[in-house]
């Protein structure tokens, strides 16, 4: 009953937002948020994907496929976090600069398209982790409807499963930049090396894997 109440709280929160841009990565949390937002708001919501060298091509394709299956409108934003020296130097605050770029572009799109709010897929379990991107979200006043409804990761997976969503049990997948050790500069070339390495591991049948970039050394 508690989970059902949280679900209704989520729907109520979304319904009160009038119109919404959802930061959509194709992971379970953001996909479920986009799905419910579309169910509640219809054409008054838009899923926004940040595309850059840090997003694997397979993840972009999967995100677009899921949105197409469920009729969720999508816009792709070409983000340029790699052009920011503060992001590229990779000093541990990489996620902040990435999300700042995303939410800056989302805010511009929100104003251009006439949407009322922006939101992202934070849930209550994220509060215990080191997530600099949450600071950027707060700066841009991005809403977190899943967290506002007090939904945790496993509850979101349960609700996604009940809704028949194929990605309910999708493994978590951080951006490719997270594979590069702190202090080692992030470049498009290194991100491509990581992506090709992980694609090769996936081809061998490993569904959840990280290839960590340590210069001349890769750790799987």
C-alpha atoms as a PDB file:
ATOM      1  CA  UNK A   1       0.000   0.000   0.000  1.00  0.00           C
ATOM      2  CA  UNK A   2       2.883   2.360   0.816  1.00  0.00           C
ATOM      3  CA  UNK A   3       4.363   1.884  -2.661  1.00  0.00           C
ATOM      4  CA  UNK A   4       0.985   2.564  -4.244  1.00  0.00           C
ATOM      5  CA  UNK A   5       0.737   5.784  -2.231  1.00  0.00           C
ATOM      6  CA  UNK A   6       4.190   6.846  -3.398  1.00  0.00           C
ATOM      7  CA  UNK A   7       3.182   6.142  -6.987  1.00  0.00           C
ATOM      8  CA  UNK A   8       0.086   8.319  -6.610  1.00  0.00           C
ATOM      9  CA  UNK A   9       2.224  11.029  -5.018  1.00  0.00           C
ATOM     10  CA  UNK A  10       4.525  10.899  -8.045  1.00  0.00           C
ATOM     11  CA  UNK A  11       1.596  11.230 -10.433  1.00  0.00           C
ATOM     12  CA  UNK A  12       0.174  14.095  -8.383  1.00  0.00           C
ATOM     13  CA  UNK A  13       3.497  15.934  -8.321  1.00  0.00           C
ATOM     14  CA  UNK A  14       3.898  15.598 -12.072  1.00  0.00           C
ATOM     15  CA  UNK A  15       0.313  16.656 -12.698  1.00  0.00           C
ATOM     16  CA  UNK A  16       0.864  19.880 -10.765  1.00  0.00           C
ATOM     17  CA  UNK A  17       3.889  20.861 -12.862  1.00  0.00           C
ATOM     18  CA  UNK A  18       1.826  21.910 -15.906  1.00  0.00           C
ATOM     19  CA  UNK A  19       4.626  21.136 -18.392  1.00  0.00           C
ATOM     20  CA  UNK A  20       8.031  19.535 -18.030  1.00  0.00           C
ATOM     21  CA  UNK A  21      11.398  18.787 -19.619  1.00  0.00           C
ATOM     22  CA  UNK A  22      12.887  15.538 -18.273  1.00  0.00           C
ATOM     23  CA  UNK A  23      16.646  14.910 -18.325  1.00  0.00           C
ATOM     24  CA  UNK A  24      16.631  11.457 -19.894  1.00  0.00           C
ATOM     25  CA  UNK A  25      19.653   9.154 -20.066  1.00  0.00           C
ATOM     26  CA  UNK A  26      17.925   5.849 -20.813  1.00  0.00           C
ATOM     27  CA  UNK A  27      18.680   4.438 -17.368  1.00  0.00           C
ATOM     28  CA  UNK A  28      15.855   2.938 -15.307  1.00  0.00           C
ATOM     29  CA  UNK A  29      15.243   6.006 -13.130  1.00  0.00           C
ATOM     30  CA  UNK A  30      15.116   8.666 -15.824  1.00  0.00           C
ATOM     31  CA  UNK A  31      13.258   6.363 -18.219  1.00  0.00           C
ATOM     32  CA  UNK A  32      10.593   5.563 -15.635  1.00  0.00           C
ATOM     33  CA  UNK A  33      10.256   9.262 -14.800  1.00  0.00           C
ATOM     34  CA  UNK A  34       9.889  10.107 -18.491  1.00  0.00           C
ATOM     35  CA  UNK A  35       7.352   7.295 -18.936  1.00  0.00           C
ATOM     36  CA  UNK A  36       5.124   8.396 -16.032  1.00  0.00           C
ATOM     37  CA  UNK A  37       5.490  12.071 -16.945  1.00  0.00           C
ATOM     38  CA  UNK A  38       4.323  11.265 -20.462  1.00  0.00           C
ATOM     39  CA  UNK A  39       1.384   9.242 -19.092  1.00  0.00           C
ATOM     40  CA  UNK A  40       0.360  12.182 -16.898  1.00  0.00           C
ATOM     41  CA  UNK A  41       1.240  15.180 -19.072  1.00  0.00           C
ATOM     42  CA  UNK A  42       1.086  13.806 -22.607  1.00  0.00           C
ATOM     43  CA  UNK A  43       2.513  16.308 -25.099  1.00  0.00           C
ATOM     44  CA  UNK A  44       3.183  18.722 -22.240  1.00  0.00           C
ATOM     45  CA  UNK A  45       6.376  16.806 -21.476  1.00  0.00           C
ATOM     46  CA  UNK A  46       9.575  16.336 -23.441  1.00  0.00           C
ATOM     47  CA  UNK A  47      12.442  13.946 -22.717  1.00  0.00           C
ATOM     48  CA  UNK A  48      15.845  15.537 -23.289  1.00  0.00           C
ATOM     49  CA  UNK A  49      18.954  13.453 -24.011  1.00  0.00           C
ATOM     50  CA  UNK A  50      22.404  14.988 -23.562  1.00  0.00           C
ATOM     51  CA  UNK A  51      24.565  13.587 -26.356  1.00  0.00           C
ATOM     52  CA  UNK A  52      28.355  13.882 -26.180  1.00  0.00           C
ATOM     53  CA  UNK A  53      31.423  11.619 -26.446  1.00  0.00           C
ATOM     54  CA  UNK A  54      30.790  10.486 -22.862  1.00  0.00           C
ATOM     55  CA  UNK A  55      27.527   8.762 -23.860  1.00  0.00           C
ATOM     56  CA  UNK A  56      28.008   5.299 -25.428  1.00  0.00           C
ATOM     57  CA  UNK A  57      26.331   4.930 -28.829  1.00  0.00           C
ATOM     58  CA  UNK A  58      24.600   1.759 -27.668  1.00  0.00           C
ATOM     59  CA  UNK A  59      23.044   3.665 -24.735  1.00  0.00           C
ATOM     60  CA  UNK A  60      21.843   6.467 -27.010  1.00  0.00           C
ATOM     61  CA  UNK A  61      20.251   3.944 -29.367  1.00  0.00           C
ATOM     62  CA  UNK A  62      18.574   2.103 -26.476  1.00  0.00           C
ATOM     63  CA  UNK A  63      17.221   5.344 -25.006  1.00  0.00           C
ATOM     64  CA  UNK A  64      15.747   6.410 -28.342  1.00  0.00           C
ATOM     65  CA  UNK A  65      14.269   2.956 -28.887  1.00  0.00           C
ATOM     66  CA  UNK A  66      12.554   2.945 -25.485  1.00  0.00           C
ATOM     67  CA  UNK A  67      11.098   6.406 -26.092  1.00  0.00           C
ATOM     68  CA  UNK A  68       9.852   5.348 -29.519  1.00  0.00           C
ATOM     69  CA  UNK A  69       8.194   2.217 -28.101  1.00  0.00           C
ATOM     70  CA  UNK A  70       6.183   4.303 -25.640  1.00  0.00           C
ATOM     71  CA  UNK A  71       5.525   7.356 -27.789  1.00  0.00           C
ATOM     72  CA  UNK A  72       7.622   9.624 -25.561  1.00  0.00           C
ATOM     73  CA  UNK A  73       8.702  12.795 -27.387  1.00  0.00           C
ATOM     74  CA  UNK A  74      12.482  13.294 -27.357  1.00  0.00           C
ATOM     75  CA  UNK A  75      14.917  16.061 -28.147  1.00  0.00           C
ATOM     76  CA  UNK A  76      18.677  15.445 -28.369  1.00  0.00           C
ATOM     77  CA  UNK A  77      20.911  18.221 -27.070  1.00  0.00           C
ATOM     78  CA  UNK A  78      24.551  18.237 -28.158  1.00  0.00           C
ATOM     79  CA  UNK A  79      26.317  19.083 -24.913  1.00  0.00           C
ATOM     80  CA  UNK A  80      29.915  20.314 -24.951  1.00  0.00           C
ATOM     81  CA  UNK A  81      31.277  19.560 -21.504  1.00  0.00           C
ATOM     82  CA  UNK A  82      34.583  18.387 -23.039  1.00  0.00           C
ATOM     83  CA  UNK A  83      35.196  21.968 -24.193  1.00  0.00           C
ATOM     84  CA  UNK A  84      35.214  23.100 -20.549  1.00  0.00           C
ATOM     85  CA  UNK A  85      38.773  22.921 -19.120  1.00  0.00           C
ATOM     86  CA  UNK A  86      37.335  22.447 -15.619  1.00  0.00           C
ATOM     87  CA  UNK A  87      35.531  19.321 -16.787  1.00  0.00           C
ATOM     88  CA  UNK A  88      38.447  17.969 -18.829  1.00  0.00           C
ATOM     89  CA  UNK A  89      40.952  18.240 -15.968  1.00  0.00           C
ATOM     90  CA  UNK A  90      38.933  15.583 -14.094  1.00  0.00           C
ATOM     91  CA  UNK A  91      39.631  16.656 -10.525  1.00  0.00           C
ATOM     92  CA  UNK A  92      36.687  14.817  -8.962  1.00  0.00           C
ATOM     93  CA  UNK A  93      34.061  17.460  -9.755  1.00  0.00           C
ATOM     94  CA  UNK A  94      33.578  16.290 -13.336  1.00  0.00           C
ATOM     95  CA  UNK A  95      29.929  15.407 -12.785  1.00  0.00           C
ATOM     96  CA  UNK A  96      29.138  18.912 -11.554  1.00  0.00           C
ATOM     97  CA  UNK A  97      30.425  20.567 -14.736  1.00  0.00           C
ATOM     98  CA  UNK A  98      28.702  17.964 -16.903  1.00  0.00           C
ATOM     99  CA  UNK A  99      25.327  18.473 -15.235  1.00  0.00           C
ATOM    100  CA  UNK A 100      25.805  22.244 -15.196  1.00  0.00           C
ATOM    101  CA  UNK A 101      26.217  22.119 -18.980  1.00  0.00           C
ATOM    102  CA  UNK A 102      23.169  19.861 -19.317  1.00  0.00           C
ATOM    103  CA  UNK A 103      20.881  21.954 -17.125  1.00  0.00           C
ATOM    104  CA  UNK A 104      22.101  25.190 -18.720  1.00  0.00           C
ATOM    105  CA  UNK A 105      21.100  23.849 -22.131  1.00  0.00           C
ATOM    106  CA  UNK A 106      17.845  22.446 -20.749  1.00  0.00           C
ATOM    107  CA  UNK A 107      16.961  25.812 -19.247  1.00  0.00           C
ATOM    108  CA  UNK A 108      17.581  27.488 -22.601  1.00  0.00           C
ATOM    109  CA  UNK A 109      15.402  24.863 -24.321  1.00  0.00           C
ATOM    110  CA  UNK A 110      12.719  25.262 -21.648  1.00  0.00           C
ATOM    111  CA  UNK A 111      12.489  28.984 -22.331  1.00  0.00           C
ATOM    112  CA  UNK A 112      12.637  28.552 -26.103  1.00  0.00           C
ATOM    113  CA  UNK A 113       9.884  25.910 -26.153  1.00  0.00           C
ATOM    114  CA  UNK A 114       7.716  27.422 -23.437  1.00  0.00           C
ATOM    115  CA  UNK A 115       7.920  24.634 -20.848  1.00  0.00           C
ATOM    116  CA  UNK A 116       7.387  25.390 -17.176  1.00  0.00           C
ATOM    117  CA  UNK A 117       9.894  23.136 -15.380  1.00  0.00           C
ATOM    118  CA  UNK A 118      12.919  20.871 -15.744  1.00  0.00           C
ATOM    119  CA  UNK A 119      13.405  17.625 -13.807  1.00  0.00           C
ATOM    120  CA  UNK A 120      15.826  14.735 -13.458  1.00  0.00           C
ATOM    121  CA  UNK A 121      15.792  11.151 -12.182  1.00  0.00           C
ATOM    122  CA  UNK A 122      17.245  11.475  -8.688  1.00  0.00           C
ATOM    123  CA  UNK A 123      15.751   9.035  -6.153  1.00  0.00           C
ATOM    124  CA  UNK A 124      16.068   8.938  -2.352  1.00  0.00           C
ATOM    125  CA  UNK A 125      18.878   6.350  -2.450  1.00  0.00           C
ATOM    126  CA  UNK A 126      21.074   8.855  -4.279  1.00  0.00           C
ATOM    127  CA  UNK A 127      21.265  11.088  -1.205  1.00  0.00           C
ATOM    128  CA  UNK A 128      23.860   8.873   0.466  1.00  0.00           C
ATOM    129  CA  UNK A 129      26.292   8.967  -2.471  1.00  0.00           C
ATOM    130  CA  UNK A 130      28.875  11.505  -3.595  1.00  0.00           C
ATOM    131  CA  UNK A 131      27.010  13.078  -6.501  1.00  0.00           C
ATOM    132  CA  UNK A 132      28.309  16.543  -7.473  1.00  0.00           C
ATOM    133  CA  UNK A 133      25.681  16.676 -10.201  1.00  0.00           C
ATOM    134  CA  UNK A 134      23.042  17.228  -7.540  1.00  0.00           C
ATOM    135  CA  UNK A 135      24.652  20.602  -6.745  1.00  0.00           C
ATOM    136  CA  UNK A 136      24.240  21.602 -10.370  1.00  0.00           C
ATOM    137  CA  UNK A 137      20.616  20.464 -10.303  1.00  0.00           C
ATOM    138  CA  UNK A 138      19.947  22.602  -7.232  1.00  0.00           C
ATOM    139  CA  UNK A 139      21.607  25.626  -8.876  1.00  0.00           C
ATOM    140  CA  UNK A 140      19.268  25.300 -11.843  1.00  0.00           C
ATOM    141  CA  UNK A 141      16.221  24.549  -9.669  1.00  0.00           C
ATOM    142  CA  UNK A 142      15.673  21.179 -11.345  1.00  0.00           C
ATOM    143  CA  UNK A 143      12.907  19.152  -9.749  1.00  0.00           C
ATOM    144  CA  UNK A 144      13.400  15.546  -8.619  1.00  0.00           C
ATOM    145  CA  UNK A 145       9.868  14.063  -8.660  1.00  0.00           C
ATOM    146  CA  UNK A 146      11.006  10.504  -7.815  1.00  0.00           C
ATOM    147  CA  UNK A 147      12.801  11.711  -4.696  1.00  0.00           C
ATOM    148  CA  UNK A 148       9.911  14.030  -3.818  1.00  0.00           C
ATOM    149  CA  UNK A 149       7.655  10.960  -3.823  1.00  0.00           C
ATOM    150  CA  UNK A 150      10.240   9.247  -1.543  1.00  0.00           C
ATOM    151  CA  UNK A 151      10.864   6.495  -4.084  1.00  0.00           C
ATOM    152  CA  UNK A 152      14.046   4.413  -3.828  1.00  0.00           C
ATOM    153  CA  UNK A 153      15.859   2.505  -6.552  1.00  0.00           C
ATOM    154  CA  UNK A 154      14.290  -0.901  -5.894  1.00  0.00           C
ATOM    155  CA  UNK A 155      10.809   0.632  -5.631  1.00  0.00           C
ATOM    156  CA  UNK A 156      11.293   2.308  -9.003  1.00  0.00           C
ATOM    157  CA  UNK A 157      12.382  -1.012 -10.492  1.00  0.00           C
ATOM    158  CA  UNK A 158       9.271  -2.671  -9.006  1.00  0.00           C
ATOM    159  CA  UNK A 159       6.969  -0.007 -10.462  1.00  0.00           C
ATOM    160  CA  UNK A 160       8.711  -0.213 -13.830  1.00  0.00           C
ATOM    161  CA  UNK A 161       8.276  -3.992 -13.788  1.00  0.00           C
ATOM    162  CA  UNK A 162       4.577  -3.634 -12.956  1.00  0.00           C
ATOM    163  CA  UNK A 163       4.239  -1.239 -15.888  1.00  0.00           C
ATOM    164  CA  UNK A 164       5.801  -3.850 -18.169  1.00  0.00           C
ATOM    165  CA  UNK A 165       8.852  -1.742 -18.968  1.00  0.00           C
ATOM    166  CA  UNK A 166      11.695  -3.799 -20.421  1.00  0.00           C
ATOM    167  CA  UNK A 167      14.398  -1.787 -18.643  1.00  0.00           C
ATOM    168  CA  UNK A 168      13.093  -2.430 -15.127  1.00  0.00           C
ATOM    169  CA  UNK A 169      16.153  -4.568 -14.346  1.00  0.00           C
ATOM    170  CA  UNK A 170      18.652  -2.706 -16.519  1.00  0.00           C
ATOM    171  CA  UNK A 171      22.070  -2.476 -14.788  1.00  0.00           C
ATOM    172  CA  UNK A 172      23.201   0.984 -13.721  1.00  0.00           C
ATOM    173  CA  UNK A 173      25.475   2.643 -16.267  1.00  0.00           C
ATOM    174  CA  UNK A 174      27.468   5.778 -15.441  1.00  0.00           C
ATOM    175  CA  UNK A 175      28.904   7.952 -18.213  1.00  0.00           C
ATOM    176  CA  UNK A 176      32.154   6.970 -19.896  1.00  0.00           C
ATOM    177  CA  UNK A 177      34.094   9.791 -18.208  1.00  0.00           C
ATOM    178  CA  UNK A 178      33.595   8.050 -14.863  1.00  0.00           C
ATOM    179  CA  UNK A 179      35.944   5.296 -16.088  1.00  0.00           C
ATOM    180  CA  UNK A 180      38.939   7.643 -16.202  1.00  0.00           C
ATOM    181  CA  UNK A 181      40.870   7.967 -12.949  1.00  0.00           C
ATOM    182  CA  UNK A 182      40.830  11.345 -11.208  1.00  0.00           C
ATOM    183  CA  UNK A 183      43.611  13.658 -12.354  1.00  0.00           C
ATOM    184  CA  UNK A 184      43.915  12.060 -15.788  1.00  0.00           C
ATOM    185  CA  UNK A 185      42.618  14.447 -18.434  1.00  0.00           C
ATOM    186  CA  UNK A 186      39.347  13.478 -20.120  1.00  0.00           C
ATOM    187  CA  UNK A 187      39.584  13.482 -23.913  1.00  0.00           C
ATOM    188  CA  UNK A 188      37.376  12.210 -26.708  1.00  0.00           C
ATOM    189  CA  UNK A 189      40.093   9.700 -27.640  1.00  0.00           C
ATOM    190  CA  UNK A 190      40.163   8.151 -24.155  1.00  0.00           C
ATOM    191  CA  UNK A 191      36.384   7.976 -24.038  1.00  0.00           C
ATOM    192  CA  UNK A 192      36.387   6.190 -27.394  1.00  0.00           C
ATOM    193  CA  UNK A 193      38.972   3.692 -26.104  1.00  0.00           C
ATOM    194  CA  UNK A 194      36.789   2.921 -23.089  1.00  0.00           C
ATOM    195  CA  UNK A 195      33.652   2.617 -25.208  1.00  0.00           C
ATOM    196  CA  UNK A 196      35.269   0.228 -27.707  1.00  0.00           C
ATOM    197  CA  UNK A 197      36.700  -1.858 -24.862  1.00  0.00           C
ATOM    198  CA  UNK A 198      33.330  -2.172 -23.138  1.00  0.00           C
ATOM    199  CA  UNK A 199      31.623  -2.981 -26.439  1.00  0.00           C
ATOM    200  CA  UNK A 200      34.089  -5.840 -26.834  1.00  0.00           C
ATOM    201  CA  UNK A 201      33.320  -7.103 -23.316  1.00  0.00           C
ATOM    202  CA  UNK A 202      29.589  -6.920 -24.017  1.00  0.00           C
ATOM    203  CA  UNK A 203      30.140  -8.933 -27.203  1.00  0.00           C
ATOM    204  CA  UNK A 204      31.689 -11.646 -25.026  1.00  0.00           C
ATOM    205  CA  UNK A 205      28.505 -11.824 -22.960  1.00  0.00           C
ATOM    206  CA  UNK A 206      29.331  -9.600 -19.977  1.00  0.00           C
ATOM    207  CA  UNK A 207      26.188  -7.550 -19.341  1.00  0.00           C
ATOM    208  CA  UNK A 208      27.525  -5.382 -16.506  1.00  0.00           C
ATOM    209  CA  UNK A 209      31.158  -4.351 -16.832  1.00  0.00           C
ATOM    210  CA  UNK A 210      33.413  -1.305 -16.412  1.00  0.00           C
ATOM    211  CA  UNK A 211      36.721  -0.746 -18.168  1.00  0.00           C
ATOM    212  CA  UNK A 212      38.770   1.704 -16.097  1.00  0.00           C
ATOM    213  CA  UNK A 213      41.265   3.840 -18.008  1.00  0.00           C
ATOM    214  CA  UNK A 214      44.691   4.193 -16.323  1.00  0.00           C
ATOM    215  CA  UNK A 215      46.747   5.526 -19.215  1.00  0.00           C
ATOM    216  CA  UNK A 216      48.552   2.551 -20.749  1.00  0.00           C
ATOM    217  CA  UNK A 217      46.655   0.180 -18.446  1.00  0.00           C
ATOM    218  CA  UNK A 218      42.991  -0.861 -18.514  1.00  0.00           C
ATOM    219  CA  UNK A 219      41.344  -2.479 -15.499  1.00  0.00           C
ATOM    220  CA  UNK A 220      38.185  -4.486 -16.119  1.00  0.00           C
END
